[in-house]
Amino acid sequence: MLDATEFRGPLVVTAAYFGLWCFFLLGLQRGTKYRLVARYRDEGQVFDRYFSQDPEMLAVDRVVANTHEQMGPFLVALWLYALFVSPSQATWLGGGYVLLRAAYPLLLGKRVSKIQTKRVGFVTIPAYLLIFGMLGVTVASAFGG
């Protein structure tokens, strides 16, 4: 049987990631939607949430979707690393990943534009390296590497 106290760190990291995703979903995305509805109404227009090409809504949708897309790979890598390599190292690596993910909307900006790809690379490249690094070390340790 596993000692649950050993895995408090990865548990906190998991909760922090889920909390961040909920903030993006319920705070950032929802808040942007209602702000845009009011702005469009004040301008005498109707905001169509799902068919609008509003650059602010597109940017927020991208933040939520990207965070959700990366949830599976990140959590699998985090927990495999915690279970088979080191819970404390998983905590530090996972904490770094959550901080990078929190910076994603800041680097993406409020509107979708062509420059965003270069800026978000400062988050996505290290984030991918953390995921693949944790998986790589875990697989290597499983095969005696």
N, C-alpha and C. Protein backbone atom coordinates (compact mmCIF):
# COMPACT_ATOMS: atom_id res chain seq x y z
N MET A 1 0.83 -1.17 0.00
CA MET A 1 0.00 0.00 0.00
C MET A 1 0.88 1.25 0.00
N LEU A 2 0.48 2.25 -0.78
CA LEU A 2 1.23 3.50 -0.87
C LEU A 2 1.00 4.36 0.35
N ASP A 3 2.03 5.10 0.74
CA ASP A 3 1.91 6.07 1.82
C ASP A 3 1.40 7.38 1.21
N ALA A 4 0.16 7.73 1.51
CA ALA A 4 -0.48 8.91 0.90
C ALA A 4 0.25 10.20 1.24
N THR A 5 0.88 10.27 2.41
CA THR A 5 1.58 11.51 2.78
C THR A 5 2.74 11.80 1.84
N GLU A 6 3.29 10.76 1.25
CA GLU A 6 4.40 10.91 0.31
C GLU A 6 3.97 11.64 -0.97
N PHE A 7 2.68 11.60 -1.26
CA PHE A 7 2.16 12.15 -2.51
C PHE A 7 1.36 13.43 -2.34
N ARG A 8 1.55 14.09 -1.20
CA ARG A 8 0.84 15.35 -0.97
C ARG A 8 1.22 16.40 -2.01
N GLY A 9 2.49 16.48 -2.34
CA GLY A 9 2.95 17.48 -3.31
C GLY A 9 2.30 17.31 -4.67
N PRO A 10 2.38 16.11 -5.27
CA PRO A 10 1.71 15.92 -6.55
C PRO A 10 0.19 16.14 -6.46
N LEU A 11 -0.39 15.82 -5.32
CA LEU A 11 -1.82 16.07 -5.13
C LEU A 11 -2.12 17.57 -5.16
N VAL A 12 -1.29 18.36 -4.49
CA VAL A 12 -1.48 19.81 -4.49
C VAL A 12 -1.27 20.37 -5.91
N VAL A 13 -0.28 19.86 -6.62
CA VAL A 13 -0.04 20.30 -8.00
C VAL A 13 -1.24 19.97 -8.88
N THR A 14 -1.79 18.77 -8.71
CA THR A 14 -2.98 18.37 -9.48
C THR A 14 -4.15 19.30 -9.18
N ALA A 15 -4.38 19.59 -7.91
CA ALA A 15 -5.46 20.49 -7.52
C ALA A 15 -5.22 21.90 -8.05
N ALA A 16 -3.97 22.35 -8.03
CA ALA A 16 -3.65 23.69 -8.55
C ALA A 16 -3.90 23.77 -10.05
N TYR A 17 -3.55 22.72 -10.78
CA TYR A 17 -3.79 22.71 -12.23
C TYR A 17 -5.28 22.74 -12.52
N PHE A 18 -6.03 21.91 -11.80
CA PHE A 18 -7.47 21.88 -11.99
C PHE A 18 -8.09 23.23 -11.62
N GLY A 19 -7.62 23.83 -10.53
CA GLY A 19 -8.11 25.15 -10.13
C GLY A 19 -7.81 26.21 -11.18
N LEU A 20 -6.63 26.16 -11.76
CA LEU A 20 -6.26 27.11 -12.81
C LEU A 20 -7.17 26.94 -14.03
N TRP A 21 -7.41 25.68 -14.41
CA TRP A 21 -8.30 25.43 -15.55
C TRP A 21 -9.70 25.94 -15.27
N CYS A 22 -10.20 25.71 -14.05
CA CYS A 22 -11.53 26.23 -13.68
C CYS A 22 -11.56 27.75 -13.70
N PHE A 23 -10.48 28.39 -13.25
CA PHE A 23 -10.42 29.85 -13.31
C PHE A 23 -10.47 30.33 -14.76
N PHE A 24 -9.70 29.68 -15.63
CA PHE A 24 -9.74 30.05 -17.04
C PHE A 24 -11.14 29.86 -17.62
N LEU A 25 -11.76 28.75 -17.27
CA LEU A 25 -13.08 28.41 -17.80
C LEU A 25 -14.18 29.29 -17.23
N LEU A 26 -14.27 29.37 -15.92
CA LEU A 26 -15.38 30.07 -15.28
C LEU A 26 -15.12 31.56 -15.04
N GLY A 27 -13.87 31.91 -14.87
CA GLY A 27 -13.54 33.31 -14.63
C GLY A 27 -13.21 34.06 -15.90
N LEU A 28 -12.15 33.65 -16.55
CA LEU A 28 -11.65 34.36 -17.72
C LEU A 28 -12.59 34.23 -18.92
N GLN A 29 -12.96 33.00 -19.28
CA GLN A 29 -13.80 32.80 -20.47
C GLN A 29 -15.21 33.38 -20.26
N ARG A 30 -15.80 33.03 -19.15
CA ARG A 30 -17.16 33.50 -18.87
C ARG A 30 -17.20 35.02 -18.69
N GLY A 31 -16.22 35.55 -17.98
CA GLY A 31 -16.15 37.00 -17.78
C GLY A 31 -15.99 37.75 -19.09
N THR A 32 -15.15 37.24 -19.97
CA THR A 32 -14.96 37.85 -21.28
C THR A 32 -16.25 37.83 -22.08
N LYS A 33 -16.94 36.70 -22.04
CA LYS A 33 -18.21 36.57 -22.77
C LYS A 33 -19.20 37.64 -22.33
N TYR A 34 -19.41 37.77 -21.03
CA TYR A 34 -20.39 38.74 -20.54
C TYR A 34 -19.95 40.18 -20.78
N ARG A 35 -18.66 40.45 -20.71
CA ARG A 35 -18.16 41.79 -21.02
C ARG A 35 -18.40 42.13 -22.49
N LEU A 36 -18.15 41.15 -23.37
CA LEU A 36 -18.37 41.38 -24.80
C LEU A 36 -19.85 41.52 -25.14
N VAL A 37 -20.71 40.75 -24.47
CA VAL A 37 -22.15 40.88 -24.68
C VAL A 37 -22.57 42.32 -24.37
N ALA A 38 -22.09 42.86 -23.24
CA ALA A 38 -22.44 44.24 -22.85
C ALA A 38 -21.87 45.26 -23.83
N ARG A 39 -20.63 45.05 -24.25
CA ARG A 39 -20.01 46.00 -25.18
C ARG A 39 -20.75 46.02 -26.52
N TYR A 40 -21.04 44.85 -27.04
CA TYR A 40 -21.76 44.77 -28.32
C TYR A 40 -23.14 45.40 -28.18
N ARG A 41 -23.81 45.13 -27.06
CA ARG A 41 -25.14 45.70 -26.83
C ARG A 41 -25.07 47.23 -26.81
N ASP A 42 -24.05 47.78 -26.13
CA ASP A 42 -23.87 49.23 -26.08
C ASP A 42 -23.60 49.83 -27.45
N GLU A 43 -23.02 49.03 -28.34
CA GLU A 43 -22.73 49.48 -29.71
C GLU A 43 -23.90 49.19 -30.65
N GLY A 44 -25.00 48.66 -30.11
CA GLY A 44 -26.18 48.38 -30.92
C GLY A 44 -26.05 47.11 -31.76
N GLN A 45 -25.16 46.22 -31.35
CA GLN A 45 -24.94 44.97 -32.08
C GLN A 45 -25.28 43.78 -31.18
N VAL A 46 -25.38 42.63 -31.79
CA VAL A 46 -25.62 41.40 -31.04
C VAL A 46 -24.33 40.57 -31.08
N PHE A 47 -23.91 40.14 -29.91
CA PHE A 47 -22.72 39.29 -29.82
C PHE A 47 -23.16 37.84 -29.94
N ASP A 48 -22.63 37.14 -30.92
CA ASP A 48 -22.92 35.72 -31.11
C ASP A 48 -21.75 34.93 -30.54
N ARG A 49 -21.95 34.32 -29.40
CA ARG A 49 -20.88 33.63 -28.68
C ARG A 49 -20.18 32.56 -29.50
N TYR A 50 -20.91 31.83 -30.29
CA TYR A 50 -20.31 30.68 -30.95
C TYR A 50 -19.91 30.90 -32.40
N PHE A 51 -20.42 31.93 -33.03
CA PHE A 51 -20.08 32.16 -34.43
C PHE A 51 -19.36 33.48 -34.64
N SER A 52 -19.16 34.22 -33.59
CA SER A 52 -18.43 35.48 -33.68
C SER A 52 -16.95 35.18 -33.91
N GLN A 53 -16.30 36.05 -34.61
CA GLN A 53 -14.86 35.92 -34.78
C GLN A 53 -14.15 37.01 -33.97
N ASP A 54 -14.78 37.40 -32.86
CA ASP A 54 -14.19 38.42 -32.00
C ASP A 54 -12.83 37.94 -31.50
N PRO A 55 -11.77 38.73 -31.75
CA PRO A 55 -10.42 38.28 -31.40
C PRO A 55 -10.22 38.08 -29.89
N GLU A 56 -10.94 38.82 -29.05
CA GLU A 56 -10.82 38.62 -27.61
C GLU A 56 -11.41 37.27 -27.18
N MET A 57 -12.58 36.96 -27.72
CA MET A 57 -13.22 35.69 -27.37
C MET A 57 -12.41 34.53 -27.90
N LEU A 58 -11.87 34.68 -29.10
CA LEU A 58 -11.04 33.61 -29.68
C LEU A 58 -9.80 33.36 -28.83
N ALA A 59 -9.20 34.42 -28.31
CA ALA A 59 -8.00 34.26 -27.48
C ALA A 59 -8.32 33.52 -26.18
N VAL A 60 -9.41 33.92 -25.54
CA VAL A 60 -9.79 33.27 -24.29
C VAL A 60 -10.19 31.81 -24.53
N ASP A 61 -10.91 31.56 -25.61
CA ASP A 61 -11.26 30.18 -25.95
C ASP A 61 -10.01 29.34 -26.16
N ARG A 62 -9.00 29.94 -26.76
CA ARG A 62 -7.76 29.21 -27.00
C ARG A 62 -7.06 28.88 -25.68
N VAL A 63 -7.08 29.81 -24.74
CA VAL A 63 -6.48 29.56 -23.43
C VAL A 63 -7.14 28.36 -22.76
N VAL A 64 -8.48 28.36 -22.74
CA VAL A 64 -9.22 27.27 -22.09
C VAL A 64 -8.98 25.95 -22.81
N ALA A 65 -9.10 25.96 -24.13
CA ALA A 65 -8.96 24.72 -24.89
C ALA A 65 -7.54 24.17 -24.78
N ASN A 66 -6.54 25.03 -24.86
CA ASN A 66 -5.16 24.55 -24.79
C ASN A 66 -4.85 23.98 -23.42
N THR A 67 -5.35 24.63 -22.38
CA THR A 67 -5.13 24.13 -21.02
C THR A 67 -5.81 22.78 -20.84
N HIS A 68 -7.00 22.64 -21.40
CA HIS A 68 -7.72 21.37 -21.33
C HIS A 68 -7.00 20.29 -22.14
N GLU A 69 -6.54 20.63 -23.33
CA GLU A 69 -5.83 19.66 -24.18
C GLU A 69 -4.58 19.11 -23.49
N GLN A 70 -3.90 19.97 -22.76
CA GLN A 70 -2.64 19.56 -22.12
C GLN A 70 -2.85 18.89 -20.77
N MET A 71 -4.08 18.91 -20.26
CA MET A 71 -4.36 18.34 -18.95
C MET A 71 -4.01 16.85 -18.89
N GLY A 72 -4.45 16.08 -19.87
CA GLY A 72 -4.19 14.64 -19.88
C GLY A 72 -2.71 14.31 -19.91
N PRO A 73 -1.96 14.80 -20.90
CA PRO A 73 -0.53 14.49 -20.94
C PRO A 73 0.22 14.94 -19.68
N PHE A 74 -0.13 16.13 -19.18
CA PHE A 74 0.56 16.64 -18.00
C PHE A 74 0.29 15.76 -16.78
N LEU A 75 -0.98 15.48 -16.51
CA LEU A 75 -1.31 14.71 -15.31
C LEU A 75 -0.78 13.27 -15.37
N VAL A 76 -0.81 12.67 -16.55
CA VAL A 76 -0.24 11.32 -16.69
C VAL A 76 1.26 11.37 -16.42
N ALA A 77 1.96 12.32 -17.02
CA ALA A 77 3.40 12.43 -16.82
C ALA A 77 3.73 12.72 -15.36
N LEU A 78 2.98 13.63 -14.75
CA LEU A 78 3.21 13.99 -13.35
C LEU A 78 3.07 12.78 -12.43
N TRP A 79 1.97 12.06 -12.57
CA TRP A 79 1.70 10.95 -11.65
C TRP A 79 2.58 9.73 -11.91
N LEU A 80 2.90 9.45 -13.15
CA LEU A 80 3.83 8.35 -13.41
C LEU A 80 5.20 8.67 -12.81
N TYR A 81 5.63 9.91 -12.98
CA TYR A 81 6.91 10.33 -12.42
C TYR A 81 6.87 10.24 -10.89
N ALA A 82 5.78 10.71 -10.30
CA ALA A 82 5.65 10.68 -8.84
C ALA A 82 5.66 9.24 -8.32
N LEU A 83 4.99 8.36 -9.02
CA LEU A 83 4.89 6.97 -8.57
C LEU A 83 6.18 6.17 -8.77
N PHE A 84 6.86 6.40 -9.89
CA PHE A 84 7.99 5.53 -10.23
C PHE A 84 9.36 6.18 -10.10
N VAL A 85 9.41 7.51 -9.94
CA VAL A 85 10.71 8.17 -9.83
C VAL A 85 10.84 8.88 -8.50
N SER A 86 10.11 9.98 -8.33
CA SER A 86 10.23 10.76 -7.09
C SER A 86 9.04 11.69 -6.91
N PRO A 87 8.28 11.52 -5.85
CA PRO A 87 7.15 12.43 -5.61
C PRO A 87 7.61 13.88 -5.38
N SER A 88 8.73 14.06 -4.70
CA SER A 88 9.18 15.43 -4.43
C SER A 88 9.66 16.11 -5.72
N GLN A 89 10.38 15.39 -6.55
CA GLN A 89 10.79 15.98 -7.83
C GLN A 89 9.57 16.24 -8.71
N ALA A 90 8.60 15.34 -8.69
CA ALA A 90 7.37 15.54 -9.46
C ALA A 90 6.66 16.81 -9.01
N THR A 91 6.69 17.07 -7.71
CA THR A 91 6.06 18.27 -7.17
C THR A 91 6.71 19.52 -7.74
N TRP A 92 8.03 19.56 -7.74
CA TRP A 92 8.74 20.74 -8.25
C TRP A 92 8.55 20.89 -9.76
N LEU A 93 8.68 19.80 -10.49
CA LEU A 93 8.51 19.86 -11.94
C LEU A 93 7.06 20.23 -12.29
N GLY A 94 6.12 19.62 -11.61
CA GLY A 94 4.70 19.91 -11.85
C GLY A 94 4.35 21.33 -11.46
N GLY A 95 4.90 21.80 -10.36
CA GLY A 95 4.67 23.19 -9.96
C GLY A 95 5.18 24.17 -11.01
N GLY A 96 6.33 23.87 -11.56
CA GLY A 96 6.87 24.70 -12.65
C GLY A 96 5.95 24.69 -13.86
N TYR A 97 5.42 23.52 -14.16
CA TYR A 97 4.50 23.41 -15.29
C TYR A 97 3.25 24.25 -15.06
N VAL A 98 2.68 24.20 -13.86
CA VAL A 98 1.48 24.98 -13.56
C VAL A 98 1.78 26.47 -13.68
N LEU A 99 2.93 26.91 -13.23
CA LEU A 99 3.30 28.33 -13.37
C LEU A 99 3.42 28.72 -14.85
N LEU A 100 4.01 27.86 -15.64
CA LEU A 100 4.09 28.12 -17.09
C LEU A 100 2.70 28.23 -17.69
N ARG A 101 1.83 27.30 -17.33
CA ARG A 101 0.46 27.31 -17.85
C ARG A 101 -0.28 28.57 -17.43
N ALA A 102 -0.01 29.07 -16.21
CA ALA A 102 -0.64 30.30 -15.72
C ALA A 102 -0.18 31.51 -16.54
N ALA A 103 1.05 31.45 -17.08
CA ALA A 103 1.57 32.56 -17.88
C ALA A 103 1.04 32.55 -19.31
N TYR A 104 0.47 31.44 -19.74
CA TYR A 104 0.01 31.30 -21.12
C TYR A 104 -0.91 32.43 -21.57
N PRO A 105 -1.99 32.78 -20.82
CA PRO A 105 -2.86 33.85 -21.30
C PRO A 105 -2.16 35.21 -21.36
N LEU A 106 -1.19 35.42 -20.48
CA LEU A 106 -0.46 36.69 -20.49
C LEU A 106 0.36 36.84 -21.77
N LEU A 107 0.99 35.76 -22.19
CA LEU A 107 1.80 35.80 -23.40
C LEU A 107 0.95 35.73 -24.67
N LEU A 108 -0.18 35.05 -24.59
CA LEU A 108 -1.07 34.99 -25.75
C LEU A 108 -1.64 36.37 -26.04
N GLY A 109 -1.97 37.11 -25.00
CA GLY A 109 -2.52 38.45 -25.17
C GLY A 109 -4.04 38.40 -25.20
N LYS A 110 -4.63 39.59 -25.26
CA LYS A 110 -6.09 39.70 -25.22
C LYS A 110 -6.75 39.42 -26.55
N ARG A 111 -5.99 39.44 -27.61
CA ARG A 111 -6.56 39.22 -28.94
C ARG A 111 -5.69 38.23 -29.70
N VAL A 112 -6.33 37.39 -30.48
CA VAL A 112 -5.59 36.46 -31.32
C VAL A 112 -4.92 37.26 -32.43
N SER A 113 -3.63 37.04 -32.62
CA SER A 113 -2.89 37.72 -33.67
C SER A 113 -1.79 36.81 -34.17
N LYS A 114 -1.10 37.23 -35.20
CA LYS A 114 -0.03 36.41 -35.77
C LYS A 114 1.20 36.36 -34.87
N ILE A 115 1.41 37.36 -34.04
CA ILE A 115 2.59 37.40 -33.18
C ILE A 115 2.51 36.42 -32.02
N GLN A 116 1.29 35.99 -31.68
CA GLN A 116 1.11 35.17 -30.49
C GLN A 116 1.93 33.88 -30.53
N THR A 117 2.11 33.27 -31.67
CA THR A 117 2.83 32.01 -31.76
C THR A 117 4.24 32.15 -31.22
N LYS A 118 4.89 33.24 -31.53
CA LYS A 118 6.25 33.45 -31.04
C LYS A 118 6.26 33.67 -29.53
N ARG A 119 5.29 34.42 -29.03
CA ARG A 119 5.25 34.70 -27.59
C ARG A 119 4.89 33.45 -26.79
N VAL A 120 3.90 32.69 -27.23
CA VAL A 120 3.49 31.53 -26.44
C VAL A 120 4.52 30.42 -26.49
N GLY A 121 5.45 30.50 -27.40
CA GLY A 121 6.54 29.53 -27.43
C GLY A 121 7.35 29.54 -26.15
N PHE A 122 7.39 30.70 -25.47
CA PHE A 122 8.11 30.80 -24.21
C PHE A 122 7.44 29.99 -23.10
N VAL A 123 6.19 29.62 -23.32
CA VAL A 123 5.46 28.76 -22.38
C VAL A 123 5.38 27.34 -22.91
N THR A 124 4.99 27.20 -24.16
CA THR A 124 4.70 25.86 -24.68
C THR A 124 5.95 24.99 -24.83
N ILE A 125 7.05 25.56 -25.25
CA ILE A 125 8.26 24.75 -25.43
C ILE A 125 8.76 24.19 -24.09
N PRO A 126 8.94 25.03 -23.05
CA PRO A 126 9.35 24.46 -21.76
C PRO A 126 8.30 23.49 -21.18
N ALA A 127 7.01 23.77 -21.42
CA ALA A 127 5.96 22.88 -20.91
C ALA A 127 6.07 21.50 -21.56
N TYR A 128 6.24 21.47 -22.88
CA TYR A 128 6.41 20.19 -23.56
C TYR A 128 7.67 19.48 -23.08
N LEU A 129 8.74 20.23 -22.86
CA LEU A 129 9.98 19.61 -22.37
C LEU A 129 9.77 18.98 -20.99
N LEU A 130 8.99 19.65 -20.14
CA LEU A 130 8.71 19.08 -18.83
C LEU A 130 7.90 17.78 -18.95
N ILE A 131 6.88 17.79 -19.79
CA ILE A 131 6.05 16.58 -19.97
C ILE A 131 6.90 15.44 -20.52
N PHE A 132 7.59 15.69 -21.63
CA PHE A 132 8.39 14.63 -22.24
C PHE A 132 9.56 14.22 -21.36
N GLY A 133 10.11 15.19 -20.61
CA GLY A 133 11.19 14.86 -19.68
C GLY A 133 10.73 13.93 -18.58
N MET A 134 9.58 14.25 -17.98
CA MET A 134 9.06 13.36 -16.93
C MET A 134 8.75 11.98 -17.48
N LEU A 135 8.12 11.93 -18.64
CA LEU A 135 7.81 10.62 -19.24
C LEU A 135 9.08 9.87 -19.60
N GLY A 136 10.04 10.58 -20.18
CA GLY A 136 11.29 9.93 -20.59
C GLY A 136 12.05 9.35 -19.42
N VAL A 137 12.17 10.12 -18.35
CA VAL A 137 12.87 9.63 -17.16
C VAL A 137 12.12 8.45 -16.55
N THR A 138 10.81 8.53 -16.53
CA THR A 138 10.00 7.44 -15.95
C THR A 138 10.20 6.15 -16.75
N VAL A 139 10.10 6.25 -18.07
CA VAL A 139 10.28 5.05 -18.92
C VAL A 139 11.70 4.52 -18.77
N ALA A 140 12.69 5.41 -18.76
CA ALA A 140 14.08 4.97 -18.62
C ALA A 140 14.29 4.27 -17.28
N SER A 141 13.68 4.80 -16.23
CA SER A 141 13.86 4.15 -14.92
C SER A 141 13.16 2.80 -14.85
N ALA A 142 12.06 2.67 -15.59
CA ALA A 142 11.34 1.38 -15.62
C ALA A 142 12.16 0.30 -16.33
N PHE A 143 13.02 0.72 -17.26
CA PHE A 143 13.84 -0.23 -18.01
C PHE A 143 15.29 -0.23 -17.51
N GLY A 144 15.47 0.29 -16.31
CA GLY A 144 16.78 0.22 -15.67
C GLY A 144 17.78 1.25 -16.15
N GLY A 145 17.29 2.33 -16.79
CA GLY A 145 18.19 3.35 -17.33
C GLY A 145 18.51 4.37 -16.39
